[in-house]
Amino acid sequence: MNIIELQKFNLTYPGHWIVGSDRDWTNNTSNMLSSVDSEFVSAVSSYAMFKPITADYVKQFHDKSKYERCLNSIYATSFVFSLDAISKLLNALKIYLSPPDAVLDLISEYETIFGHLKHIRDSVAHIEDRSRGFGKNKKKIPTNILSLGLFINERCFEITGSDGNLYRVELSDSTLLSAHKILQGIINTYTWE
């Protein structure tokens, strides 16, 4: 995927700064949205580097070094961590910066679509526990099937969460475009000049 193709994911701003009477609020909100943008760029970049697990890729896979073989897992993990970080930033925006109601609705929509990524991130971050079959607070995971970061098709990354459920994310245009639509909507809700 080349840089031109990635431009469809660019978030655009209708001005240089948010309009508002409280300078701290406008600066903090702008900074939060800038951090959201940076995390989204990281997710897009991870996606751009990811190679779908096609039959042809699998044939070549065995000829690669163990370092080359782990790259897709790194890209998938980075993708998840970035989209989950956006969730945390949006939550902070909601709690600390009193956004307009339309932004609150969009944050809820993001949580509905991407809230499950926290389970994937937590399992990746605590692989030492998941590998032994333990979840939060060192409780045994209520399942006999542990997925510790597998690709179950060309683009779908799966892992067992602390609660024993399987959580998946697809590294795809459609995943990023869903996030893009919400994030662009949030940006557009504010008044800019």
C-alpha atoms as a PDB file:
ATOM      1  CA  MET A   1       0.000   0.000   0.000  1.00  0.00           C
ATOM      2  CA  ASN A   2       1.465   3.354  -0.978  1.00  0.00           C
ATOM      3  CA  ILE A   3       1.190   6.782   0.613  1.00  0.00           C
ATOM      4  CA  ILE A   4      -1.382   7.994  -1.939  1.00  0.00           C
ATOM      5  CA  GLU A   5      -3.718   5.099  -1.029  1.00  0.00           C
ATOM      6  CA  LEU A   6      -3.379   5.931   2.664  1.00  0.00           C
ATOM      7  CA  GLN A   7      -4.613   9.496   2.157  1.00  0.00           C
ATOM      8  CA  LYS A   8      -8.220   8.291   2.209  1.00  0.00           C
ATOM      9  CA  PHE A   9      -7.686   7.859   5.959  1.00  0.00           C
ATOM     10  CA  ASN A  10      -6.469  11.428   6.554  1.00  0.00           C
ATOM     11  CA  LEU A  11      -8.459  13.339   9.140  1.00  0.00           C
ATOM     12  CA  THR A  12      -9.095  16.895   7.981  1.00  0.00           C
ATOM     13  CA  TYR A  13      -9.634  20.026  10.033  1.00  0.00           C
ATOM     14  CA  PRO A  14     -11.978  22.856   8.995  1.00  0.00           C
ATOM     15  CA  GLY A  15      -9.649  25.432  10.574  1.00  0.00           C
ATOM     16  CA  HIS A  16      -6.516  25.900  12.639  1.00  0.00           C
ATOM     17  CA  TRP A  17      -7.984  26.115  16.142  1.00  0.00           C
ATOM     18  CA  ILE A  18     -11.204  25.479  18.010  1.00  0.00           C
ATOM     19  CA  VAL A  19     -13.354  28.509  18.753  1.00  0.00           C
ATOM     20  CA  GLY A  20     -14.371  29.045  22.379  1.00  0.00           C
ATOM     21  CA  SER A  21     -14.237  31.598  25.156  1.00  0.00           C
ATOM     22  CA  ASP A  22     -12.185  29.376  27.493  1.00  0.00           C
ATOM     23  CA  ARG A  23      -8.624  29.249  26.165  1.00  0.00           C
ATOM     24  CA  ASP A  24      -7.633  26.294  28.384  1.00  0.00           C
ATOM     25  CA  TRP A  25     -10.633  24.299  27.157  1.00  0.00           C
ATOM     26  CA  THR A  26      -9.932  25.026  23.485  1.00  0.00           C
ATOM     27  CA  ASN A  27      -6.202  24.257  23.861  1.00  0.00           C
ATOM     28  CA  ASN A  28      -6.795  21.046  25.820  1.00  0.00           C
ATOM     29  CA  THR A  29      -9.489  19.884  23.408  1.00  0.00           C
ATOM     30  CA  SER A  30      -7.232  20.625  20.424  1.00  0.00           C
ATOM     31  CA  ASN A  31      -4.369  18.746  22.079  1.00  0.00           C
ATOM     32  CA  MET A  32      -6.616  15.764  22.771  1.00  0.00           C
ATOM     33  CA  LEU A  33      -7.812  15.686  19.150  1.00  0.00           C
ATOM     34  CA  SER A  34      -4.215  15.967  17.958  1.00  0.00           C
ATOM     35  CA  SER A  35      -3.315  12.925  20.089  1.00  0.00           C
ATOM     36  CA  VAL A  36      -6.300  11.054  18.649  1.00  0.00           C
ATOM     37  CA  ASP A  37      -5.055  11.929  15.153  1.00  0.00           C
ATOM     38  CA  SER A  38      -1.534  10.671  15.989  1.00  0.00           C
ATOM     39  CA  GLU A  39      -2.868   7.353  17.271  1.00  0.00           C
ATOM     40  CA  PHE A  40      -5.040   6.980  14.182  1.00  0.00           C
ATOM     41  CA  VAL A  41      -1.996   7.598  11.960  1.00  0.00           C
ATOM     42  CA  SER A  42      -0.200   4.838  13.925  1.00  0.00           C
ATOM     43  CA  ALA A  43      -3.105   2.438  13.328  1.00  0.00           C
ATOM     44  CA  VAL A  44      -3.149   3.263   9.609  1.00  0.00           C
ATOM     45  CA  SER A  45       0.638   2.839   9.376  1.00  0.00           C
ATOM     46  CA  SER A  46       0.466  -0.561  11.094  1.00  0.00           C
ATOM     47  CA  TYR A  47      -2.258  -1.605   8.697  1.00  0.00           C
ATOM     48  CA  ALA A  48      -0.198  -0.441   5.707  1.00  0.00           C
ATOM     49  CA  MET A  49       2.721  -2.651   6.783  1.00  0.00           C
ATOM     50  CA  PHE A  50       0.552  -5.714   7.490  1.00  0.00           C
ATOM     51  CA  LYS A  51       0.562  -8.498   4.870  1.00  0.00           C
ATOM     52  CA  PRO A  52      -2.704 -10.454   4.597  1.00  0.00           C
ATOM     53  CA  ILE A  53      -2.306 -14.176   5.357  1.00  0.00           C
ATOM     54  CA  THR A  54      -3.045 -15.497   1.864  1.00  0.00           C
ATOM     55  CA  ALA A  55      -2.152 -18.993   0.606  1.00  0.00           C
ATOM     56  CA  ASP A  56       0.786 -17.447  -1.257  1.00  0.00           C
ATOM     57  CA  TYR A  57       1.962 -15.680   1.899  1.00  0.00           C
ATOM     58  CA  VAL A  58       1.802 -18.953   3.856  1.00  0.00           C
ATOM     59  CA  LYS A  59       4.013 -20.674   1.241  1.00  0.00           C
ATOM     60  CA  GLN A  60       6.611 -17.908   1.549  1.00  0.00           C
ATOM     61  CA  PHE A  61       6.208 -17.775   5.346  1.00  0.00           C
ATOM     62  CA  HIS A  62       8.181 -20.977   5.955  1.00  0.00           C
ATOM     63  CA  ASP A  63      11.172 -19.598   4.053  1.00  0.00           C
ATOM     64  CA  LYS A  64      11.331 -16.489   6.218  1.00  0.00           C
ATOM     65  CA  SER A  65      13.380 -16.012   9.374  1.00  0.00           C
ATOM     66  CA  LYS A  66      11.634 -16.069  12.750  1.00  0.00           C
ATOM     67  CA  TYR A  67      12.131 -12.292  12.853  1.00  0.00           C
ATOM     68  CA  GLU A  68      10.325 -11.764   9.561  1.00  0.00           C
ATOM     69  CA  ARG A  69       7.557 -14.165  10.616  1.00  0.00           C
ATOM     70  CA  CYS A  70       6.733 -12.131  13.727  1.00  0.00           C
ATOM     71  CA  LEU A  71       6.203  -8.839  11.865  1.00  0.00           C
ATOM     72  CA  ASN A  72       2.479  -9.349  11.216  1.00  0.00           C
ATOM     73  CA  SER A  73       1.890  -9.936  14.931  1.00  0.00           C
ATOM     74  CA  ILE A  74       3.758  -6.718  15.704  1.00  0.00           C
ATOM     75  CA  TYR A  75       1.660  -4.785  13.185  1.00  0.00           C
ATOM     76  CA  ALA A  76      -1.594  -6.321  14.483  1.00  0.00           C
ATOM     77  CA  THR A  77      -0.643  -5.526  18.073  1.00  0.00           C
ATOM     78  CA  SER A  78       0.265  -1.946  17.183  1.00  0.00           C
ATOM     79  CA  PHE A  79      -3.040  -1.604  15.298  1.00  0.00           C
ATOM     80  CA  VAL A  80      -4.982  -2.751  18.375  1.00  0.00           C
ATOM     81  CA  PHE A  81      -3.002  -0.618  20.824  1.00  0.00           C
ATOM     82  CA  SER A  82      -3.499   2.518  18.693  1.00  0.00           C
ATOM     83  CA  LEU A  83      -7.251   2.057  18.244  1.00  0.00           C
ATOM     84  CA  ASP A  84      -7.599   1.282  21.958  1.00  0.00           C
ATOM     85  CA  ALA A  85      -5.542   4.374  22.856  1.00  0.00           C
ATOM     86  CA  ILE A  86      -8.039   6.420  20.839  1.00  0.00           C
ATOM     87  CA  SER A  87     -10.776   4.958  23.044  1.00  0.00           C
ATOM     88  CA  LYS A  88      -8.909   6.100  26.160  1.00  0.00           C
ATOM     89  CA  LEU A  89      -8.344   9.583  24.718  1.00  0.00           C
ATOM     90  CA  LEU A  90     -12.017   9.916  23.783  1.00  0.00           C
ATOM     91  CA  ASN A  91     -12.989   8.808  27.276  1.00  0.00           C
ATOM     92  CA  ALA A  92     -10.728  11.507  28.761  1.00  0.00           C
ATOM     93  CA  LEU A  93     -12.279  14.042  26.374  1.00  0.00           C
ATOM     94  CA  LYS A  94     -15.722  12.989  27.628  1.00  0.00           C
ATOM     95  CA  ILE A  95     -14.798  13.122  31.321  1.00  0.00           C
ATOM     96  CA  TYR A  96     -12.587  16.205  31.508  1.00  0.00           C
ATOM     97  CA  LEU A  97     -13.452  18.490  28.600  1.00  0.00           C
ATOM     98  CA  SER A  98     -17.270  18.643  28.495  1.00  0.00           C
ATOM     99  CA  PRO A  99     -17.691  18.053  24.764  1.00  0.00           C
ATOM    100  CA  PRO A 100     -20.929  18.882  22.915  1.00  0.00           C
ATOM    101  CA  ASP A 101     -23.701  16.261  23.016  1.00  0.00           C
ATOM    102  CA  ALA A 102     -23.040  15.315  19.383  1.00  0.00           C
ATOM    103  CA  VAL A 103     -19.451  14.421  20.338  1.00  0.00           C
ATOM    104  CA  LEU A 104     -20.699  12.342  23.283  1.00  0.00           C
ATOM    105  CA  ASP A 105     -22.903  10.389  20.855  1.00  0.00           C
ATOM    106  CA  LEU A 106     -19.944   9.769  18.538  1.00  0.00           C
ATOM    107  CA  ILE A 107     -17.746   8.663  21.457  1.00  0.00           C
ATOM    108  CA  SER A 108     -20.480   6.171  22.435  1.00  0.00           C
ATOM    109  CA  GLU A 109     -20.553   4.914  18.851  1.00  0.00           C
ATOM    110  CA  TYR A 110     -16.760   4.438  18.899  1.00  0.00           C
ATOM    111  CA  GLU A 111     -17.028   2.502  22.170  1.00  0.00           C
ATOM    112  CA  THR A 112     -19.753   0.285  20.723  1.00  0.00           C
ATOM    113  CA  ILE A 113     -17.614  -0.624  17.711  1.00  0.00           C
ATOM    114  CA  PHE A 114     -14.142  -0.681  19.273  1.00  0.00           C
ATOM    115  CA  GLY A 115     -14.669  -1.209  23.022  1.00  0.00           C
ATOM    116  CA  HIS A 116     -13.755  -4.901  22.752  1.00  0.00           C
ATOM    117  CA  LEU A 117     -10.188  -3.946  21.766  1.00  0.00           C
ATOM    118  CA  LYS A 118      -9.420  -3.377  25.449  1.00  0.00           C
ATOM    119  CA  HIS A 119      -9.708  -7.148  25.969  1.00  0.00           C
ATOM    120  CA  ILE A 120      -7.241  -7.799  23.139  1.00  0.00           C
ATOM    121  CA  ARG A 121      -4.827  -5.153  24.409  1.00  0.00           C
ATOM    122  CA  ASP A 122      -5.014  -6.458  27.970  1.00  0.00           C
ATOM    123  CA  SER A 123      -4.338 -10.036  26.863  1.00  0.00           C
ATOM    124  CA  VAL A 124      -1.378  -8.975  24.723  1.00  0.00           C
ATOM    125  CA  ALA A 125      -0.021  -6.845  27.569  1.00  0.00           C
ATOM    126  CA  HIS A 126      -0.435  -9.713  30.060  1.00  0.00           C
ATOM    127  CA  ILE A 127       0.666 -12.611  27.889  1.00  0.00           C
ATOM    128  CA  GLU A 128       2.533 -14.075  30.869  1.00  0.00           C
ATOM    129  CA  ASP A 129      -0.831 -14.641  32.592  1.00  0.00           C
ATOM    130  CA  ARG A 130      -2.834 -15.641  29.503  1.00  0.00           C
ATOM    131  CA  SER A 131      -0.197 -18.232  28.556  1.00  0.00           C
ATOM    132  CA  ARG A 132      -0.828 -19.936  31.902  1.00  0.00           C
ATOM    133  CA  GLY A 133      -4.604 -19.623  31.565  1.00  0.00           C
ATOM    134  CA  PHE A 134      -5.068 -16.781  34.035  1.00  0.00           C
ATOM    135  CA  GLY A 135      -7.043 -13.572  33.635  1.00  0.00           C
ATOM    136  CA  LYS A 136      -7.543 -10.528  35.862  1.00  0.00           C
ATOM    137  CA  ASN A 137      -6.586 -10.870  39.506  1.00  0.00           C
ATOM    138  CA  LYS A 138      -4.871 -14.173  38.691  1.00  0.00           C
ATOM    139  CA  LYS A 139      -8.239 -15.917  38.287  1.00  0.00           C
ATOM    140  CA  LYS A 140      -8.367 -18.985  36.069  1.00  0.00           C
ATOM    141  CA  ILE A 141      -9.809 -18.170  32.624  1.00  0.00           C
ATOM    142  CA  PRO A 142     -13.104 -20.063  32.238  1.00  0.00           C
ATOM    143  CA  THR A 143     -12.185 -21.839  29.001  1.00  0.00           C
ATOM    144  CA  ASN A 144     -10.050 -24.733  27.816  1.00  0.00           C
ATOM    145  CA  ILE A 145      -9.263 -23.055  24.505  1.00  0.00           C
ATOM    146  CA  LEU A 146      -6.655 -20.317  24.620  1.00  0.00           C
ATOM    147  CA  SER A 147      -5.934 -18.221  21.563  1.00  0.00           C
ATOM    148  CA  LEU A 148      -2.788 -16.231  22.234  1.00  0.00           C
ATOM    149  CA  GLY A 149      -2.758 -14.005  19.171  1.00  0.00           C
ATOM    150  CA  LEU A 150      -3.636 -16.027  16.085  1.00  0.00           C
ATOM    151  CA  PHE A 151      -4.658 -15.007  12.604  1.00  0.00           C
ATOM    152  CA  ILE A 152      -7.853 -16.889  11.836  1.00  0.00           C
ATOM    153  CA  ASN A 153      -8.134 -15.699   8.238  1.00  0.00           C
ATOM    154  CA  GLU A 154      -6.325 -13.310   5.927  1.00  0.00           C
ATOM    155  CA  ARG A 155      -6.859 -10.237   8.105  1.00  0.00           C
ATOM    156  CA  CYS A 156      -8.500 -11.280  11.380  1.00  0.00           C
ATOM    157  CA  PHE A 157      -6.435 -11.297  14.600  1.00  0.00           C
ATOM    158  CA  GLU A 158      -7.899 -13.229  17.543  1.00  0.00           C
ATOM    159  CA  ILE A 159      -7.022 -13.605  21.220  1.00  0.00           C
ATOM    160  CA  THR A 160      -8.675 -14.998  24.342  1.00  0.00           C
ATOM    161  CA  GLY A 161      -9.701 -12.355  26.837  1.00  0.00           C
ATOM    162  CA  SER A 162      -9.487 -12.483  30.605  1.00  0.00           C
ATOM    163  CA  ASP A 163     -13.156 -13.518  30.705  1.00  0.00           C
ATOM    164  CA  GLY A 164     -12.595 -16.559  28.441  1.00  0.00           C
ATOM    165  CA  ASN A 165     -14.285 -15.020  25.403  1.00  0.00           C
ATOM    166  CA  LEU A 166     -12.543 -14.795  22.043  1.00  0.00           C
ATOM    167  CA  TYR A 167     -12.032 -11.259  20.782  1.00  0.00           C
ATOM    168  CA  ARG A 168     -11.206 -10.422  17.189  1.00  0.00           C
ATOM    169  CA  VAL A 169     -10.211  -7.451  15.133  1.00  0.00           C
ATOM    170  CA  GLU A 170      -9.949  -7.234  11.379  1.00  0.00           C
ATOM    171  CA  LEU A 171      -7.016  -5.318   9.948  1.00  0.00           C
ATOM    172  CA  SER A 172      -8.893  -3.849   7.012  1.00  0.00           C
ATOM    173  CA  ASP A 173     -10.000  -0.743   5.187  1.00  0.00           C
ATOM    174  CA  SER A 174     -13.493  -1.161   6.606  1.00  0.00           C
ATOM    175  CA  THR A 175     -12.245  -1.159  10.220  1.00  0.00           C
ATOM    176  CA  LEU A 176     -10.224   1.999   9.649  1.00  0.00           C
ATOM    177  CA  LEU A 177     -12.989   3.703   7.660  1.00  0.00           C
ATOM    178  CA  SER A 178     -15.445   3.035  10.519  1.00  0.00           C
ATOM    179  CA  ALA A 179     -13.049   4.725  12.943  1.00  0.00           C
ATOM    180  CA  HIS A 180     -12.346   7.515  10.441  1.00  0.00           C
ATOM    181  CA  LYS A 181     -16.037   8.337  10.005  1.00  0.00           C
ATOM    182  CA  ILE A 182     -16.520   8.721  13.771  1.00  0.00           C
ATOM    183  CA  LEU A 183     -13.316  10.684  14.361  1.00  0.00           C
ATOM    184  CA  GLN A 184     -13.978  13.033  11.444  1.00  0.00           C
ATOM    185  CA  GLY A 185     -17.473  13.546  12.820  1.00  0.00           C
ATOM    186  CA  ILE A 186     -16.021  14.514  16.199  1.00  0.00           C
ATOM    187  CA  ILE A 187     -13.625  17.011  14.594  1.00  0.00           C
ATOM    188  CA  ASN A 188     -16.424  18.494  12.471  1.00  0.00           C
ATOM    189  CA  THR A 189     -18.712  18.981  15.477  1.00  0.00           C
ATOM    190  CA  TYR A 190     -16.444  21.658  16.911  1.00  0.00           C
ATOM    191  CA  THR A 191     -16.366  25.209  15.535  1.00  0.00           C
ATOM    192  CA  TRP A 192     -12.997  26.004  13.969  1.00  0.00           C
ATOM    193  CA  GLU A 193     -11.382  29.118  12.568  1.00  0.00           C
END
